[in-house]
């Protein structure tokens, strides 16, 4: 497997990428990147005397365009967070705190259908998902996200005041990564998001 250990100072300035870096930018697995490279769908070169593959910036941009992956993912070093909640007060507070932090790019959705669309378009690193939503509940949203091979790396934090303790494990088994009971301190949620996004 290729090494993704090269140090970079943000993706905006890089001209050549490792397969690990491409996987992180495009939100797909490193094995998928390697398969695309080997099949010619992603153009690049091998490092002489090694098995390592390298992808020039222009080839990565073409690959992202061909696969409808937003190019802004290449330009920002910030972690992407999607906040899905129909409570405007919680959304506003959370967005303000995360954006003030400076390490996050934040988008929001107010129902399950919007959540599905935004997840596909935005490719978040972390989703904060209110369980009880108009349209689709948290179970359906989690199932839809986990059914997409390209979204397996997305971290999902479910928040709810109605989920019974015995149902929390069911949500985790379905694909959620964490659960936070409402009401909660907004700073506690920000800490969880930071831990997951920056791990």
C-alpha atoms as a PDB file:
ATOM      1  CA  UNK A   1       0.000   0.000   0.000  1.00  0.00           C
ATOM      2  CA  UNK A   2       1.167   3.535  -0.696  1.00  0.00           C
ATOM      3  CA  UNK A   3       2.480   5.701   2.082  1.00  0.00           C
ATOM      4  CA  UNK A   4       0.459   8.841   2.812  1.00  0.00           C
ATOM      5  CA  UNK A   5       2.895  10.141   5.368  1.00  0.00           C
ATOM      6  CA  UNK A   6       4.364  13.068   3.445  1.00  0.00           C
ATOM      7  CA  UNK A   7       3.955  16.353   5.249  1.00  0.00           C
ATOM      8  CA  UNK A   8       2.121  19.190   3.512  1.00  0.00           C
ATOM      9  CA  UNK A   9       1.137  22.664   4.567  1.00  0.00           C
ATOM     10  CA  UNK A  10      -2.460  22.437   3.380  1.00  0.00           C
ATOM     11  CA  UNK A  11      -3.707  20.987   0.104  1.00  0.00           C
ATOM     12  CA  UNK A  12      -4.130  24.369  -1.608  1.00  0.00           C
ATOM     13  CA  UNK A  13      -0.357  24.711  -2.172  1.00  0.00           C
ATOM     14  CA  UNK A  14       0.482  21.113  -3.139  1.00  0.00           C
ATOM     15  CA  UNK A  15       1.286  20.132  -6.713  1.00  0.00           C
ATOM     16  CA  UNK A  16       1.664  16.353  -6.248  1.00  0.00           C
ATOM     17  CA  UNK A  17      -0.375  14.092  -3.958  1.00  0.00           C
ATOM     18  CA  UNK A  18      -0.020  10.633  -2.433  1.00  0.00           C
ATOM     19  CA  UNK A  19      -2.861   8.116  -2.772  1.00  0.00           C
ATOM     20  CA  UNK A  20      -3.606   8.623   0.924  1.00  0.00           C
ATOM     21  CA  UNK A  21      -3.976  12.366   0.431  1.00  0.00           C
ATOM     22  CA  UNK A  22      -6.236  11.854  -2.595  1.00  0.00           C
ATOM     23  CA  UNK A  23      -8.386   9.457  -0.567  1.00  0.00           C
ATOM     24  CA  UNK A  24      -8.738  12.032   2.201  1.00  0.00           C
ATOM     25  CA  UNK A  25      -9.580  14.875  -0.189  1.00  0.00           C
ATOM     26  CA  UNK A  26     -12.110  12.862  -2.218  1.00  0.00           C
ATOM     27  CA  UNK A  27     -13.580  11.004   0.785  1.00  0.00           C
ATOM     28  CA  UNK A  28     -12.985   7.570  -0.728  1.00  0.00           C
ATOM     29  CA  UNK A  29     -10.822   4.675   0.426  1.00  0.00           C
ATOM     30  CA  UNK A  30      -7.134   4.492  -0.452  1.00  0.00           C
ATOM     31  CA  UNK A  31      -7.779   1.135  -2.144  1.00  0.00           C
ATOM     32  CA  UNK A  32     -10.336   2.823  -4.417  1.00  0.00           C
ATOM     33  CA  UNK A  33      -7.743   5.464  -5.346  1.00  0.00           C
ATOM     34  CA  UNK A  34      -5.190   2.750  -6.144  1.00  0.00           C
ATOM     35  CA  UNK A  35      -7.721   0.847  -8.289  1.00  0.00           C
ATOM     36  CA  UNK A  36      -8.580   4.033 -10.208  1.00  0.00           C
ATOM     37  CA  UNK A  37      -4.865   4.742 -10.692  1.00  0.00           C
ATOM     38  CA  UNK A  38      -4.105   1.210 -11.910  1.00  0.00           C
ATOM     39  CA  UNK A  39      -7.094   1.221 -14.310  1.00  0.00           C
ATOM     40  CA  UNK A  40      -6.141   4.598 -15.793  1.00  0.00           C
ATOM     41  CA  UNK A  41      -9.133   6.534 -14.440  1.00  0.00           C
ATOM     42  CA  UNK A  42      -6.766   8.573 -12.279  1.00  0.00           C
ATOM     43  CA  UNK A  43      -3.565   9.558 -14.046  1.00  0.00           C
ATOM     44  CA  UNK A  44      -0.239   9.827 -12.272  1.00  0.00           C
ATOM     45  CA  UNK A  45       3.181   8.222 -11.992  1.00  0.00           C
ATOM     46  CA  UNK A  46       5.084   5.742  -9.862  1.00  0.00           C
ATOM     47  CA  UNK A  47       8.048   6.823  -7.762  1.00  0.00           C
ATOM     48  CA  UNK A  48      11.144   5.225  -9.390  1.00  0.00           C
ATOM     49  CA  UNK A  49      12.405   2.209  -7.469  1.00  0.00           C
ATOM     50  CA  UNK A  50       9.239   1.875  -5.375  1.00  0.00           C
ATOM     51  CA  UNK A  51       5.579   0.862  -5.558  1.00  0.00           C
ATOM     52  CA  UNK A  52       4.422   4.320  -4.490  1.00  0.00           C
ATOM     53  CA  UNK A  53       2.013   6.175  -6.742  1.00  0.00           C
ATOM     54  CA  UNK A  54       1.843   9.951  -7.071  1.00  0.00           C
ATOM     55  CA  UNK A  55      -0.929  12.062  -8.586  1.00  0.00           C
ATOM     56  CA  UNK A  56      -0.248  15.528 -10.072  1.00  0.00           C
ATOM     57  CA  UNK A  57      -2.655  18.296  -9.112  1.00  0.00           C
ATOM     58  CA  UNK A  58      -4.098  18.676 -12.631  1.00  0.00           C
ATOM     59  CA  UNK A  59      -4.862  14.924 -12.784  1.00  0.00           C
ATOM     60  CA  UNK A  60      -6.581  15.065  -9.402  1.00  0.00           C
ATOM     61  CA  UNK A  61      -8.695  18.041 -10.511  1.00  0.00           C
ATOM     62  CA  UNK A  62      -9.772  16.168 -13.661  1.00  0.00           C
ATOM     63  CA  UNK A  63     -10.623  13.074 -11.601  1.00  0.00           C
ATOM     64  CA  UNK A  64     -12.709  15.173  -9.200  1.00  0.00           C
ATOM     65  CA  UNK A  65     -14.586  16.802 -12.096  1.00  0.00           C
ATOM     66  CA  UNK A  66     -15.219  13.420 -13.751  1.00  0.00           C
ATOM     67  CA  UNK A  67     -16.694  12.068 -10.514  1.00  0.00           C
ATOM     68  CA  UNK A  68     -18.645  15.174  -9.428  1.00  0.00           C
ATOM     69  CA  UNK A  69     -16.483  15.719  -6.342  1.00  0.00           C
ATOM     70  CA  UNK A  70     -16.561  19.400  -5.281  1.00  0.00           C
ATOM     71  CA  UNK A  71     -13.255  21.093  -6.104  1.00  0.00           C
ATOM     72  CA  UNK A  72     -13.480  23.227  -2.971  1.00  0.00           C
ATOM     73  CA  UNK A  73     -12.480  20.101  -1.037  1.00  0.00           C
ATOM     74  CA  UNK A  74      -9.057  20.516  -2.612  1.00  0.00           C
ATOM     75  CA  UNK A  75      -8.733  24.175  -1.717  1.00  0.00           C
ATOM     76  CA  UNK A  76      -9.599  24.127   1.969  1.00  0.00           C
ATOM     77  CA  UNK A  77      -7.659  22.568   4.778  1.00  0.00           C
ATOM     78  CA  UNK A  78     -10.622  22.985   7.101  1.00  0.00           C
ATOM     79  CA  UNK A  79     -12.678  20.042   8.296  1.00  0.00           C
ATOM     80  CA  UNK A  80     -16.248  19.890   7.001  1.00  0.00           C
ATOM     81  CA  UNK A  81     -19.162  19.584   9.429  1.00  0.00           C
ATOM     82  CA  UNK A  82     -22.816  19.096   8.472  1.00  0.00           C
ATOM     83  CA  UNK A  83     -25.300  20.061  11.203  1.00  0.00           C
ATOM     84  CA  UNK A  84     -28.700  18.391  10.750  1.00  0.00           C
ATOM     85  CA  UNK A  85     -31.315  19.695  13.186  1.00  0.00           C
ATOM     86  CA  UNK A  86     -34.717  21.381  12.901  1.00  0.00           C
ATOM     87  CA  UNK A  87     -34.103  23.508  16.006  1.00  0.00           C
ATOM     88  CA  UNK A  88     -32.835  26.876  14.675  1.00  0.00           C
ATOM     89  CA  UNK A  89     -31.442  27.914  18.077  1.00  0.00           C
ATOM     90  CA  UNK A  90     -29.174  24.853  18.339  1.00  0.00           C
ATOM     91  CA  UNK A  91     -28.092  25.148  14.705  1.00  0.00           C
ATOM     92  CA  UNK A  92     -27.254  28.844  15.007  1.00  0.00           C
ATOM     93  CA  UNK A  93     -25.280  28.376  18.217  1.00  0.00           C
ATOM     94  CA  UNK A  94     -23.334  25.391  16.889  1.00  0.00           C
ATOM     95  CA  UNK A  95     -22.517  27.020  13.557  1.00  0.00           C
ATOM     96  CA  UNK A  96     -21.316  30.176  15.314  1.00  0.00           C
ATOM     97  CA  UNK A  97     -19.017  28.259  17.670  1.00  0.00           C
ATOM     98  CA  UNK A  98     -17.560  26.031  14.949  1.00  0.00           C
ATOM     99  CA  UNK A  99     -16.946  28.862  12.492  1.00  0.00           C
ATOM    100  CA  UNK A 100     -15.408  31.030  15.197  1.00  0.00           C
ATOM    101  CA  UNK A 101     -12.990  28.157  15.917  1.00  0.00           C
ATOM    102  CA  UNK A 102     -11.564  28.595  12.409  1.00  0.00           C
ATOM    103  CA  UNK A 103     -10.833  24.917  11.747  1.00  0.00           C
ATOM    104  CA  UNK A 104     -14.260  24.055  10.354  1.00  0.00           C
ATOM    105  CA  UNK A 105     -16.383  24.670   7.295  1.00  0.00           C
ATOM    106  CA  UNK A 106     -20.047  24.244   8.258  1.00  0.00           C
ATOM    107  CA  UNK A 107     -23.247  23.562   6.345  1.00  0.00           C
ATOM    108  CA  UNK A 108     -26.721  22.845   7.722  1.00  0.00           C
ATOM    109  CA  UNK A 109     -29.857  20.863   6.910  1.00  0.00           C
ATOM    110  CA  UNK A 110     -33.220  20.951   8.662  1.00  0.00           C
ATOM    111  CA  UNK A 111     -34.690  17.590   7.629  1.00  0.00           C
ATOM    112  CA  UNK A 112     -33.675  14.093   6.596  1.00  0.00           C
ATOM    113  CA  UNK A 113     -34.086  14.650   2.869  1.00  0.00           C
ATOM    114  CA  UNK A 114     -31.871  17.751   2.925  1.00  0.00           C
ATOM    115  CA  UNK A 115     -29.356  15.803   5.005  1.00  0.00           C
ATOM    116  CA  UNK A 116     -29.019  13.175   2.281  1.00  0.00           C
ATOM    117  CA  UNK A 117     -28.535  15.756  -0.466  1.00  0.00           C
ATOM    118  CA  UNK A 118     -26.067  17.884   1.485  1.00  0.00           C
ATOM    119  CA  UNK A 119     -24.046  14.819   2.468  1.00  0.00           C
ATOM    120  CA  UNK A 120     -23.596  13.882  -1.198  1.00  0.00           C
ATOM    121  CA  UNK A 121     -22.711  17.437  -2.254  1.00  0.00           C
ATOM    122  CA  UNK A 122     -20.671  18.608   0.740  1.00  0.00           C
ATOM    123  CA  UNK A 123     -18.897  15.350   1.666  1.00  0.00           C
ATOM    124  CA  UNK A 124     -18.606  16.210   5.373  1.00  0.00           C
ATOM    125  CA  UNK A 125     -16.017  14.783   7.743  1.00  0.00           C
ATOM    126  CA  UNK A 126     -18.543  14.844  10.601  1.00  0.00           C
ATOM    127  CA  UNK A 127     -22.351  14.917  10.674  1.00  0.00           C
ATOM    128  CA  UNK A 128     -24.222  16.102  13.768  1.00  0.00           C
ATOM    129  CA  UNK A 129     -27.584  14.388  13.339  1.00  0.00           C
ATOM    130  CA  UNK A 130     -30.708  15.110  15.360  1.00  0.00           C
ATOM    131  CA  UNK A 131     -32.571  11.817  15.642  1.00  0.00           C
ATOM    132  CA  UNK A 132     -36.121  13.162  15.353  1.00  0.00           C
ATOM    133  CA  UNK A 133     -36.346  14.964  12.012  1.00  0.00           C
ATOM    134  CA  UNK A 134     -39.140  15.916   9.604  1.00  0.00           C
ATOM    135  CA  UNK A 135     -39.279  13.604   6.592  1.00  0.00           C
ATOM    136  CA  UNK A 136     -36.758  10.935   7.591  1.00  0.00           C
ATOM    137  CA  UNK A 137     -35.719   9.983  11.104  1.00  0.00           C
ATOM    138  CA  UNK A 138     -32.150   9.384  12.192  1.00  0.00           C
ATOM    139  CA  UNK A 139     -32.291   5.641  11.500  1.00  0.00           C
ATOM    140  CA  UNK A 140     -33.149   6.198   7.841  1.00  0.00           C
ATOM    141  CA  UNK A 141     -30.503   8.903   7.394  1.00  0.00           C
ATOM    142  CA  UNK A 142     -27.781   6.703   8.936  1.00  0.00           C
ATOM    143  CA  UNK A 143     -28.815   3.749   6.775  1.00  0.00           C
ATOM    144  CA  UNK A 144     -28.749   5.868   3.626  1.00  0.00           C
ATOM    145  CA  UNK A 145     -25.295   7.280   4.409  1.00  0.00           C
ATOM    146  CA  UNK A 146     -23.778   3.912   5.316  1.00  0.00           C
ATOM    147  CA  UNK A 147     -25.156   2.330   2.132  1.00  0.00           C
ATOM    148  CA  UNK A 148     -22.882   4.623   0.078  1.00  0.00           C
ATOM    149  CA  UNK A 149     -19.388   3.189  -0.343  1.00  0.00           C
ATOM    150  CA  UNK A 150     -17.887   6.670  -0.759  1.00  0.00           C
ATOM    151  CA  UNK A 151     -19.289   7.874   2.586  1.00  0.00           C
ATOM    152  CA  UNK A 152     -17.915   5.183   4.884  1.00  0.00           C
ATOM    153  CA  UNK A 153     -15.372   7.520   6.468  1.00  0.00           C
ATOM    154  CA  UNK A 154     -18.006  10.083   7.545  1.00  0.00           C
ATOM    155  CA  UNK A 155     -18.338  10.298  11.339  1.00  0.00           C
ATOM    156  CA  UNK A 156     -21.914  10.557  12.630  1.00  0.00           C
ATOM    157  CA  UNK A 157     -22.832  12.004  16.029  1.00  0.00           C
ATOM    158  CA  UNK A 158     -26.512  11.452  16.879  1.00  0.00           C
ATOM    159  CA  UNK A 159     -28.149  13.890  19.303  1.00  0.00           C
ATOM    160  CA  UNK A 160     -31.601  13.323  20.776  1.00  0.00           C
ATOM    161  CA  UNK A 161     -33.837  13.814  23.767  1.00  0.00           C
ATOM    162  CA  UNK A 162     -36.259  11.038  22.809  1.00  0.00           C
ATOM    163  CA  UNK A 163     -34.048   7.993  22.206  1.00  0.00           C
ATOM    164  CA  UNK A 164     -34.276   5.490  25.048  1.00  0.00           C
ATOM    165  CA  UNK A 165     -31.008   4.277  26.580  1.00  0.00           C
ATOM    166  CA  UNK A 166     -31.609   0.751  25.284  1.00  0.00           C
ATOM    167  CA  UNK A 167     -31.902   2.103  21.721  1.00  0.00           C
ATOM    168  CA  UNK A 168     -28.566   3.933  21.740  1.00  0.00           C
ATOM    169  CA  UNK A 169     -26.626   0.735  21.016  1.00  0.00           C
ATOM    170  CA  UNK A 170     -28.936   0.024  18.082  1.00  0.00           C
ATOM    171  CA  UNK A 171     -28.017   3.385  16.549  1.00  0.00           C
ATOM    172  CA  UNK A 172     -24.305   2.732  17.096  1.00  0.00           C
ATOM    173  CA  UNK A 173     -24.639  -0.713  15.524  1.00  0.00           C
ATOM    174  CA  UNK A 174     -26.440   0.858  12.548  1.00  0.00           C
ATOM    175  CA  UNK A 175     -23.463   3.089  11.829  1.00  0.00           C
ATOM    176  CA  UNK A 176     -23.504   6.066  14.200  1.00  0.00           C
ATOM    177  CA  UNK A 177     -20.136   6.785  15.827  1.00  0.00           C
ATOM    178  CA  UNK A 178     -21.352   8.581  18.940  1.00  0.00           C
ATOM    179  CA  UNK A 179     -24.519   9.614  20.793  1.00  0.00           C
ATOM    180  CA  UNK A 180     -25.233  12.676  22.903  1.00  0.00           C
ATOM    181  CA  UNK A 181     -28.368  13.026  25.019  1.00  0.00           C
ATOM    182  CA  UNK A 182     -30.322  16.301  24.855  1.00  0.00           C
ATOM    183  CA  UNK A 183     -30.206  18.669  26.616  1.00  0.00           C
ATOM    184  CA  UNK A 184     -26.435  19.023  26.513  1.00  0.00           C
ATOM    185  CA  UNK A 185     -23.805  21.714  26.887  1.00  0.00           C
ATOM    186  CA  UNK A 186     -23.087  23.006  23.385  1.00  0.00           C
ATOM    187  CA  UNK A 187     -19.369  23.129  24.254  1.00  0.00           C
ATOM    188  CA  UNK A 188     -19.461  19.373  24.947  1.00  0.00           C
ATOM    189  CA  UNK A 189     -20.771  18.748  21.447  1.00  0.00           C
ATOM    190  CA  UNK A 190     -18.100  20.992  19.935  1.00  0.00           C
ATOM    191  CA  UNK A 191     -15.466  18.960  21.820  1.00  0.00           C
ATOM    192  CA  UNK A 192     -16.857  15.703  20.392  1.00  0.00           C
ATOM    193  CA  UNK A 193     -16.911  17.153  16.877  1.00  0.00           C
ATOM    194  CA  UNK A 194     -13.320  18.368  17.227  1.00  0.00           C
ATOM    195  CA  UNK A 195     -12.137  14.974  18.500  1.00  0.00           C
ATOM    196  CA  UNK A 196     -13.749  13.116  15.592  1.00  0.00           C
ATOM    197  CA  UNK A 197     -12.873  15.580  12.838  1.00  0.00           C
ATOM    198  CA  UNK A 198      -9.245  15.993  13.863  1.00  0.00           C
ATOM    199  CA  UNK A 199      -8.500  12.407  14.902  1.00  0.00           C
END
